[in-house]
């Protein structure tokens, strides 16, 4: 099945590979990492979070799945006072994805995207492929070149 994320990568000639796990399988990042035998490389598995500034501004943050987003730092980086996670009823209409299967690639609305700087430590990282049970392996530079993403320290220490 081709997701919007995969179609986006193909359209932009971005090299990627896919990895699948059962949709009713592991949900927690550490369980997904264990399923794929990532060993000491669990920080290569990134999650995609969508936030709002309550004034109509939306922002995407990608960071290692087991880390927490530093909302104060994130707000400062996008030039607003506060950020909060987007409400579920807005999430799907804004991104085109369901919660738990959100990819930064191929969203209905392209949003400003900031990626945890640690992504640059890896040749490739893993992100959602646009549905639960599907991971994409891509170069962190794919986020820069296709989404204009910036790389900053956004994870809580």
N, C-alpha and C. Protein backbone atom coordinates (compact mmCIF):
# COMPACT_ATOMS: atom_id res chain seq x y z
N UNK A 1 0.84 -1.19 0.00
CA UNK A 1 0.00 0.00 0.00
C UNK A 1 0.88 1.25 0.00
N UNK A 2 0.60 2.14 -0.93
CA UNK A 2 1.37 3.38 -1.00
C UNK A 2 0.67 4.46 -0.19
N UNK A 3 1.36 4.99 0.79
CA UNK A 3 0.82 6.06 1.61
C UNK A 3 1.17 7.41 0.99
N UNK A 4 0.59 8.48 1.52
CA UNK A 4 0.92 9.82 1.05
C UNK A 4 2.41 10.12 1.26
N UNK A 5 2.97 9.58 2.35
CA UNK A 5 4.40 9.79 2.63
C UNK A 5 5.27 9.15 1.56
N UNK A 6 4.94 7.94 1.19
CA UNK A 6 5.72 7.23 0.16
C UNK A 6 5.55 7.93 -1.19
N UNK A 7 4.33 8.33 -1.52
CA UNK A 7 4.10 9.05 -2.78
C UNK A 7 4.91 10.35 -2.81
N UNK A 8 4.98 11.05 -1.69
CA UNK A 8 5.75 12.28 -1.58
C UNK A 8 7.23 12.02 -1.83
N UNK A 9 7.77 10.97 -1.20
CA UNK A 9 9.19 10.66 -1.38
C UNK A 9 9.49 10.27 -2.82
N UNK A 10 8.61 9.50 -3.43
CA UNK A 10 8.79 9.12 -4.84
C UNK A 10 8.77 10.36 -5.75
N UNK A 11 7.79 11.23 -5.51
CA UNK A 11 7.64 12.44 -6.31
C UNK A 11 8.88 13.33 -6.21
N UNK A 12 9.53 13.31 -5.06
CA UNK A 12 10.71 14.15 -4.84
C UNK A 12 12.03 13.40 -5.04
N UNK A 13 11.94 12.19 -5.60
CA UNK A 13 13.12 11.37 -5.90
C UNK A 13 14.02 11.18 -4.68
N UNK A 14 13.41 10.91 -3.54
CA UNK A 14 14.14 10.68 -2.30
C UNK A 14 14.28 9.18 -2.07
N UNK A 15 15.50 8.75 -1.83
CA UNK A 15 15.77 7.35 -1.55
C UNK A 15 15.22 6.99 -0.17
N UNK A 16 14.56 5.85 -0.08
CA UNK A 16 13.99 5.39 1.19
C UNK A 16 13.86 3.88 1.16
N UNK A 17 13.69 3.31 2.31
CA UNK A 17 13.30 1.91 2.40
C UNK A 17 12.20 1.82 3.45
N UNK A 18 11.44 0.74 3.41
CA UNK A 18 10.34 0.57 4.35
C UNK A 18 10.57 -0.64 5.24
N UNK A 19 9.97 -0.57 6.40
CA UNK A 19 9.97 -1.69 7.35
C UNK A 19 8.55 -1.76 7.91
N UNK A 20 8.00 -2.95 7.98
CA UNK A 20 6.64 -3.10 8.49
C UNK A 20 6.61 -3.96 9.74
N UNK A 21 5.66 -3.65 10.59
CA UNK A 21 5.37 -4.46 11.76
C UNK A 21 3.86 -4.57 11.88
N UNK A 22 3.37 -5.58 12.56
CA UNK A 22 1.91 -5.77 12.64
C UNK A 22 1.22 -4.55 13.26
N UNK A 23 0.12 -4.11 12.63
CA UNK A 23 -0.62 -2.94 13.13
C UNK A 23 -1.10 -3.15 14.57
N UNK A 24 -1.32 -4.38 14.94
CA UNK A 24 -1.74 -4.66 16.31
C UNK A 24 -0.54 -5.08 17.16
N UNK A 25 0.64 -4.82 16.65
CA UNK A 25 1.88 -5.18 17.33
C UNK A 25 2.35 -4.10 18.28
N UNK A 26 3.65 -3.90 18.37
CA UNK A 26 4.21 -2.95 19.33
C UNK A 26 3.75 -1.52 19.05
N UNK A 27 3.48 -0.79 20.13
CA UNK A 27 3.06 0.60 19.99
C UNK A 27 4.10 1.53 20.59
N UNK A 28 4.59 1.21 21.76
CA UNK A 28 5.60 2.05 22.40
C UNK A 28 6.89 2.00 21.59
N UNK A 29 7.58 3.15 21.56
CA UNK A 29 8.81 3.26 20.78
C UNK A 29 9.82 2.18 21.15
N UNK A 30 9.98 1.92 22.44
CA UNK A 30 10.96 0.92 22.85
C UNK A 30 10.57 -0.47 22.35
N UNK A 31 9.25 -0.73 22.23
CA UNK A 31 8.80 -2.03 21.73
C UNK A 31 9.01 -2.15 20.22
N UNK A 32 8.78 -1.05 19.51
CA UNK A 32 9.04 -1.04 18.07
C UNK A 32 10.54 -1.24 17.83
N UNK A 33 11.36 -0.54 18.59
CA UNK A 33 12.82 -0.68 18.48
C UNK A 33 13.25 -2.12 18.77
N UNK A 34 12.65 -2.72 19.77
CA UNK A 34 12.98 -4.11 20.11
C UNK A 34 12.52 -5.06 18.99
N UNK A 35 11.35 -4.80 18.41
CA UNK A 35 10.82 -5.63 17.33
C UNK A 35 11.80 -5.68 16.16
N UNK A 36 12.41 -4.54 15.86
CA UNK A 36 13.36 -4.46 14.74
C UNK A 36 14.81 -4.67 15.16
N UNK A 37 15.03 -5.02 16.42
CA UNK A 37 16.37 -5.31 16.92
C UNK A 37 17.33 -4.14 16.70
N UNK A 38 16.88 -2.92 17.05
CA UNK A 38 17.72 -1.74 16.91
C UNK A 38 18.87 -1.72 17.91
N UNK A 39 18.77 -2.50 18.96
CA UNK A 39 19.84 -2.55 19.95
C UNK A 39 20.10 -1.18 20.56
N UNK A 40 21.34 -0.73 20.47
CA UNK A 40 21.73 0.57 21.05
C UNK A 40 21.35 1.75 20.16
N UNK A 41 20.67 1.50 19.08
CA UNK A 41 20.36 2.58 18.14
C UNK A 41 18.90 3.00 18.20
N UNK A 42 18.29 2.94 19.39
CA UNK A 42 16.88 3.32 19.51
C UNK A 42 16.65 4.80 19.21
N UNK A 43 17.66 5.64 19.34
CA UNK A 43 17.51 7.06 19.04
C UNK A 43 17.42 7.34 17.54
N UNK A 44 17.51 6.30 16.71
CA UNK A 44 17.30 6.46 15.26
C UNK A 44 15.82 6.43 14.92
N UNK A 45 14.98 6.01 15.87
CA UNK A 45 13.53 5.93 15.66
C UNK A 45 12.91 7.26 16.11
N UNK A 46 12.36 8.00 15.16
CA UNK A 46 11.83 9.34 15.43
C UNK A 46 10.31 9.34 15.38
N UNK A 47 9.72 10.19 16.22
CA UNK A 47 8.28 10.42 16.18
C UNK A 47 8.04 11.80 15.60
N UNK A 48 6.82 11.99 15.11
CA UNK A 48 6.41 13.25 14.52
C UNK A 48 5.28 13.83 15.36
N UNK A 49 5.51 15.02 15.91
CA UNK A 49 4.52 15.69 16.74
C UNK A 49 4.04 16.95 16.03
N UNK A 50 2.74 17.22 16.15
CA UNK A 50 2.16 18.41 15.54
C UNK A 50 1.62 19.29 16.66
N UNK A 51 2.04 20.56 16.65
CA UNK A 51 1.67 21.49 17.72
C UNK A 51 0.94 22.70 17.14
N UNK A 52 0.33 23.45 18.06
CA UNK A 52 -0.39 24.67 17.70
C UNK A 52 -0.04 25.78 18.67
N UNK A 53 -0.10 27.02 18.18
CA UNK A 53 0.14 28.17 19.05
C UNK A 53 -1.17 28.84 19.50
N UNK A 54 -2.31 28.22 19.18
CA UNK A 54 -3.66 28.71 19.52
C UNK A 54 -4.05 29.97 18.76
N UNK A 55 -3.21 30.42 17.86
CA UNK A 55 -3.53 31.60 17.05
C UNK A 55 -3.58 31.22 15.57
N UNK A 56 -3.67 29.94 15.31
CA UNK A 56 -3.74 29.47 13.93
C UNK A 56 -2.42 29.03 13.35
N UNK A 57 -1.37 29.03 14.15
CA UNK A 57 -0.07 28.56 13.68
C UNK A 57 0.15 27.11 14.07
N UNK A 58 0.62 26.32 13.13
CA UNK A 58 0.88 24.89 13.38
C UNK A 58 2.32 24.59 13.02
N UNK A 59 2.92 23.69 13.80
CA UNK A 59 4.34 23.37 13.64
C UNK A 59 4.56 21.88 13.86
N UNK A 60 5.51 21.33 13.11
CA UNK A 60 5.86 19.91 13.22
C UNK A 60 7.24 19.79 13.87
N UNK A 61 7.35 18.85 14.80
CA UNK A 61 8.62 18.56 15.46
C UNK A 61 8.87 17.06 15.37
N UNK A 62 10.07 16.70 14.92
CA UNK A 62 10.48 15.30 14.84
C UNK A 62 11.63 15.10 15.82
N UNK A 63 11.48 14.10 16.68
CA UNK A 63 12.51 13.85 17.68
C UNK A 63 12.52 12.37 18.02
N UNK A 64 13.63 11.89 18.63
CA UNK A 64 13.68 10.47 18.98
C UNK A 64 12.44 10.07 19.76
N UNK A 65 11.88 8.93 19.39
CA UNK A 65 10.58 8.50 19.89
C UNK A 65 10.51 8.37 21.41
N UNK A 66 11.60 8.07 22.06
CA UNK A 66 11.58 7.90 23.51
C UNK A 66 11.84 9.21 24.26
N UNK A 67 12.07 10.29 23.55
CA UNK A 67 12.34 11.59 24.17
C UNK A 67 11.06 12.41 24.26
N UNK A 68 11.09 13.43 25.09
CA UNK A 68 9.97 14.36 25.23
C UNK A 68 10.35 15.68 24.59
N UNK A 69 9.37 16.31 23.97
CA UNK A 69 9.58 17.61 23.35
C UNK A 69 9.67 18.69 24.42
N UNK A 70 10.68 19.52 24.32
CA UNK A 70 10.82 20.68 25.20
C UNK A 70 9.94 21.78 24.61
N UNK A 71 8.70 21.88 25.11
CA UNK A 71 7.73 22.81 24.54
C UNK A 71 8.17 24.27 24.65
N UNK A 72 8.86 24.63 25.73
CA UNK A 72 9.33 26.01 25.87
C UNK A 72 10.37 26.33 24.80
N UNK A 73 11.31 25.43 24.64
CA UNK A 73 12.35 25.62 23.62
C UNK A 73 11.73 25.63 22.22
N UNK A 74 10.79 24.71 21.98
CA UNK A 74 10.13 24.64 20.68
C UNK A 74 9.38 25.94 20.37
N UNK A 75 8.65 26.45 21.35
CA UNK A 75 7.92 27.70 21.16
C UNK A 75 8.88 28.84 20.84
N UNK A 76 9.96 28.90 21.56
CA UNK A 76 10.96 29.94 21.32
C UNK A 76 11.51 29.86 19.90
N UNK A 77 11.75 28.65 19.43
CA UNK A 77 12.32 28.47 18.09
C UNK A 77 11.38 28.94 16.98
N UNK A 78 10.06 28.83 17.21
CA UNK A 78 9.12 29.25 16.18
C UNK A 78 8.57 30.66 16.44
N UNK A 79 9.08 31.30 17.51
CA UNK A 79 8.75 32.69 17.78
C UNK A 79 7.39 32.94 18.40
N UNK A 80 6.92 31.97 19.21
CA UNK A 80 5.65 32.16 19.92
C UNK A 80 5.87 31.93 21.41
N UNK A 81 4.87 32.34 22.19
CA UNK A 81 5.00 32.22 23.64
C UNK A 81 4.74 30.81 24.15
N UNK A 82 3.71 30.15 23.60
CA UNK A 82 3.33 28.81 24.05
C UNK A 82 2.96 27.93 22.87
N UNK A 83 3.16 26.63 23.07
CA UNK A 83 2.71 25.62 22.12
C UNK A 83 2.01 24.52 22.89
N UNK A 84 1.08 23.87 22.24
CA UNK A 84 0.47 22.67 22.80
C UNK A 84 0.22 21.69 21.65
N UNK A 85 0.01 20.45 22.01
CA UNK A 85 -0.25 19.43 20.99
C UNK A 85 -1.59 19.73 20.32
N UNK A 86 -1.68 19.46 19.03
CA UNK A 86 -2.91 19.70 18.28
C UNK A 86 -3.99 18.72 18.75
N UNK A 87 -5.20 19.22 18.86
CA UNK A 87 -6.34 18.40 19.27
C UNK A 87 -6.60 17.31 18.22
N UNK A 88 -7.03 16.12 18.68
CA UNK A 88 -7.25 15.00 17.75
C UNK A 88 -8.22 15.32 16.60
N UNK A 89 -9.26 16.11 16.86
CA UNK A 89 -10.23 16.39 15.79
C UNK A 89 -9.64 17.28 14.70
N UNK A 90 -8.64 18.07 15.02
CA UNK A 90 -7.96 18.92 14.03
C UNK A 90 -6.81 18.15 13.38
N UNK A 91 -6.18 17.28 14.13
CA UNK A 91 -4.98 16.56 13.71
C UNK A 91 -5.15 15.90 12.34
N UNK A 92 -6.18 15.06 12.20
CA UNK A 92 -6.33 14.31 10.96
C UNK A 92 -6.68 15.20 9.78
N UNK A 93 -7.53 16.20 9.99
CA UNK A 93 -7.88 17.07 8.86
C UNK A 93 -6.68 17.94 8.44
N UNK A 94 -5.80 18.27 9.36
CA UNK A 94 -4.62 19.08 9.06
C UNK A 94 -3.53 18.26 8.38
N UNK A 95 -3.28 17.05 8.89
CA UNK A 95 -2.16 16.25 8.39
C UNK A 95 -2.54 15.20 7.35
N UNK A 96 -3.77 14.69 7.44
CA UNK A 96 -4.17 13.58 6.59
C UNK A 96 -3.81 12.23 7.20
N UNK A 97 -3.23 12.25 8.37
CA UNK A 97 -2.80 11.02 9.04
C UNK A 97 -3.56 10.81 10.34
N UNK A 98 -3.56 9.56 10.79
CA UNK A 98 -4.14 9.24 12.09
C UNK A 98 -3.06 9.34 13.15
N UNK A 99 -3.48 9.55 14.37
CA UNK A 99 -2.54 9.61 15.49
C UNK A 99 -1.83 8.27 15.59
N UNK A 100 -0.50 8.32 15.70
CA UNK A 100 0.28 7.09 15.77
C UNK A 100 0.84 6.66 14.42
N UNK A 101 0.37 7.30 13.34
CA UNK A 101 0.84 6.97 12.00
C UNK A 101 1.17 8.22 11.20
N UNK A 102 1.61 9.25 11.89
CA UNK A 102 1.87 10.55 11.24
C UNK A 102 3.31 10.63 10.75
N UNK A 103 3.45 10.97 9.50
CA UNK A 103 4.76 11.18 8.89
C UNK A 103 4.93 12.66 8.58
N UNK A 104 6.14 13.19 8.67
CA UNK A 104 6.34 14.58 8.26
C UNK A 104 6.23 14.75 6.75
N UNK A 105 6.35 13.64 6.01
CA UNK A 105 6.28 13.67 4.56
C UNK A 105 4.84 13.47 4.08
N UNK A 106 4.42 14.26 3.12
CA UNK A 106 3.12 14.05 2.48
C UNK A 106 1.92 14.51 3.29
N UNK A 107 2.13 15.42 4.23
CA UNK A 107 0.99 15.95 4.98
C UNK A 107 0.08 16.75 4.04
N UNK A 108 -1.20 16.81 4.37
CA UNK A 108 -2.14 17.61 3.57
C UNK A 108 -1.68 19.06 3.50
N UNK A 109 -1.20 19.57 4.62
CA UNK A 109 -0.71 20.93 4.70
C UNK A 109 0.74 20.88 5.11
N UNK A 110 1.64 21.39 4.27
CA UNK A 110 3.04 21.41 4.66
C UNK A 110 3.23 22.46 5.75
N UNK A 111 3.80 22.04 6.86
CA UNK A 111 3.97 22.90 8.01
C UNK A 111 5.45 23.11 8.30
N UNK A 112 5.80 24.23 8.96
CA UNK A 112 7.19 24.41 9.37
C UNK A 112 7.63 23.20 10.20
N UNK A 113 8.79 22.66 9.87
CA UNK A 113 9.26 21.43 10.50
C UNK A 113 10.63 21.63 11.12
N UNK A 114 10.74 21.22 12.39
CA UNK A 114 12.02 21.27 13.10
C UNK A 114 12.34 19.85 13.57
N UNK A 115 13.56 19.44 13.33
CA UNK A 115 14.01 18.09 13.64
C UNK A 115 15.09 18.17 14.72
N UNK A 116 15.02 17.25 15.67
CA UNK A 116 16.04 17.18 16.72
C UNK A 116 17.41 17.04 16.06
N UNK A 117 18.32 17.89 16.48
CA UNK A 117 19.67 17.94 15.91
C UNK A 117 20.39 16.58 15.92
N UNK A 118 20.07 15.74 16.87
CA UNK A 118 20.74 14.44 16.97
C UNK A 118 20.50 13.57 15.74
N UNK A 119 19.48 13.90 14.92
CA UNK A 119 19.25 13.14 13.69
C UNK A 119 20.47 13.18 12.79
N UNK A 120 21.22 14.27 12.87
CA UNK A 120 22.40 14.43 12.02
C UNK A 120 23.55 13.50 12.43
N UNK A 121 23.40 12.83 13.58
CA UNK A 121 24.41 11.85 14.01
C UNK A 121 24.30 10.54 13.25
N UNK A 122 23.20 10.37 12.52
CA UNK A 122 22.92 9.10 11.83
C UNK A 122 22.92 9.30 10.32
N UNK A 123 23.37 8.29 9.63
CA UNK A 123 23.29 8.31 8.17
C UNK A 123 21.83 8.24 7.73
N UNK A 124 21.05 7.40 8.44
CA UNK A 124 19.61 7.30 8.19
C UNK A 124 18.88 7.25 9.52
N UNK A 125 17.61 7.69 9.48
CA UNK A 125 16.73 7.60 10.64
C UNK A 125 15.44 6.92 10.20
N UNK A 126 14.64 6.53 11.18
CA UNK A 126 13.35 5.89 10.92
C UNK A 126 12.23 6.81 11.36
N UNK A 127 11.25 6.99 10.49
CA UNK A 127 10.07 7.81 10.75
C UNK A 127 8.84 7.02 10.33
N UNK A 128 7.68 7.44 10.80
CA UNK A 128 6.45 6.79 10.37
C UNK A 128 6.30 6.91 8.87
N UNK A 129 5.79 5.86 8.28
CA UNK A 129 5.55 5.85 6.84
C UNK A 129 4.17 6.33 6.46
N UNK A 130 3.41 6.83 7.42
CA UNK A 130 2.09 7.36 7.12
C UNK A 130 0.94 6.47 7.55
N UNK A 131 1.27 5.40 8.23
CA UNK A 131 0.23 4.55 8.84
C UNK A 131 0.88 3.74 9.94
N UNK A 132 0.07 3.33 10.89
CA UNK A 132 0.58 2.50 11.98
C UNK A 132 1.07 1.19 11.37
N UNK A 133 2.27 0.79 11.77
CA UNK A 133 2.84 -0.45 11.27
C UNK A 133 3.82 -0.28 10.13
N UNK A 134 4.09 0.96 9.73
CA UNK A 134 4.99 1.21 8.61
C UNK A 134 6.03 2.26 8.99
N UNK A 135 7.29 1.90 8.85
CA UNK A 135 8.39 2.84 9.08
C UNK A 135 9.10 3.13 7.76
N UNK A 136 9.60 4.35 7.64
CA UNK A 136 10.45 4.74 6.52
C UNK A 136 11.85 4.95 7.03
N UNK A 137 12.83 4.46 6.32
CA UNK A 137 14.23 4.75 6.62
C UNK A 137 14.71 5.74 5.57
N UNK A 138 15.11 6.92 6.03
CA UNK A 138 15.55 7.99 5.13
C UNK A 138 16.75 8.71 5.72
N UNK A 139 17.45 9.41 4.87
CA UNK A 139 18.53 10.29 5.33
C UNK A 139 17.89 11.48 6.03
N UNK A 140 18.49 11.97 7.13
CA UNK A 140 17.96 13.19 7.74
C UNK A 140 17.91 14.36 6.76
N UNK A 141 18.82 14.36 5.79
CA UNK A 141 18.84 15.43 4.79
C UNK A 141 17.59 15.45 3.92
N UNK A 142 16.87 14.32 3.85
CA UNK A 142 15.61 14.29 3.10
C UNK A 142 14.62 15.29 3.69
N UNK A 143 14.65 15.45 5.01
CA UNK A 143 13.77 16.42 5.67
C UNK A 143 14.16 17.85 5.32
N UNK A 144 15.44 18.08 5.25
CA UNK A 144 15.95 19.40 4.88
C UNK A 144 15.59 19.73 3.43
N UNK A 145 15.87 18.82 2.52
CA UNK A 145 15.71 19.09 1.10
C UNK A 145 14.26 19.12 0.63
N UNK A 146 13.38 18.34 1.24
CA UNK A 146 12.00 18.29 0.76
C UNK A 146 11.06 19.17 1.58
N UNK A 147 11.35 19.37 2.86
CA UNK A 147 10.44 20.12 3.72
C UNK A 147 11.03 21.44 4.19
N UNK A 148 12.30 21.68 3.89
CA UNK A 148 12.95 22.89 4.40
C UNK A 148 13.11 22.84 5.91
N UNK A 149 13.18 21.64 6.46
CA UNK A 149 13.30 21.47 7.91
C UNK A 149 14.59 22.07 8.42
N UNK A 150 14.55 22.49 9.67
CA UNK A 150 15.76 22.94 10.36
C UNK A 150 16.08 21.93 11.45
N UNK A 151 17.31 21.91 11.87
CA UNK A 151 17.77 20.98 12.90
C UNK A 151 18.16 21.78 14.14
N UNK A 152 17.50 21.50 15.26
CA UNK A 152 17.71 22.22 16.52
C UNK A 152 17.63 21.22 17.67
N UNK A 153 18.11 21.63 18.83
CA UNK A 153 17.95 20.82 20.05
C UNK A 153 16.55 21.09 20.60
N UNK A 154 15.67 20.09 20.47
CA UNK A 154 14.28 20.27 20.91
C UNK A 154 13.83 19.23 21.93
N UNK A 155 14.66 18.23 22.20
CA UNK A 155 14.30 17.20 23.16
C UNK A 155 14.71 17.64 24.56
N UNK A 156 13.88 17.28 25.53
CA UNK A 156 14.24 17.57 26.92
C UNK A 156 15.47 16.76 27.29
N UNK A 157 16.32 17.38 28.07
CA UNK A 157 17.58 16.71 28.48
C UNK A 157 17.29 15.59 29.44
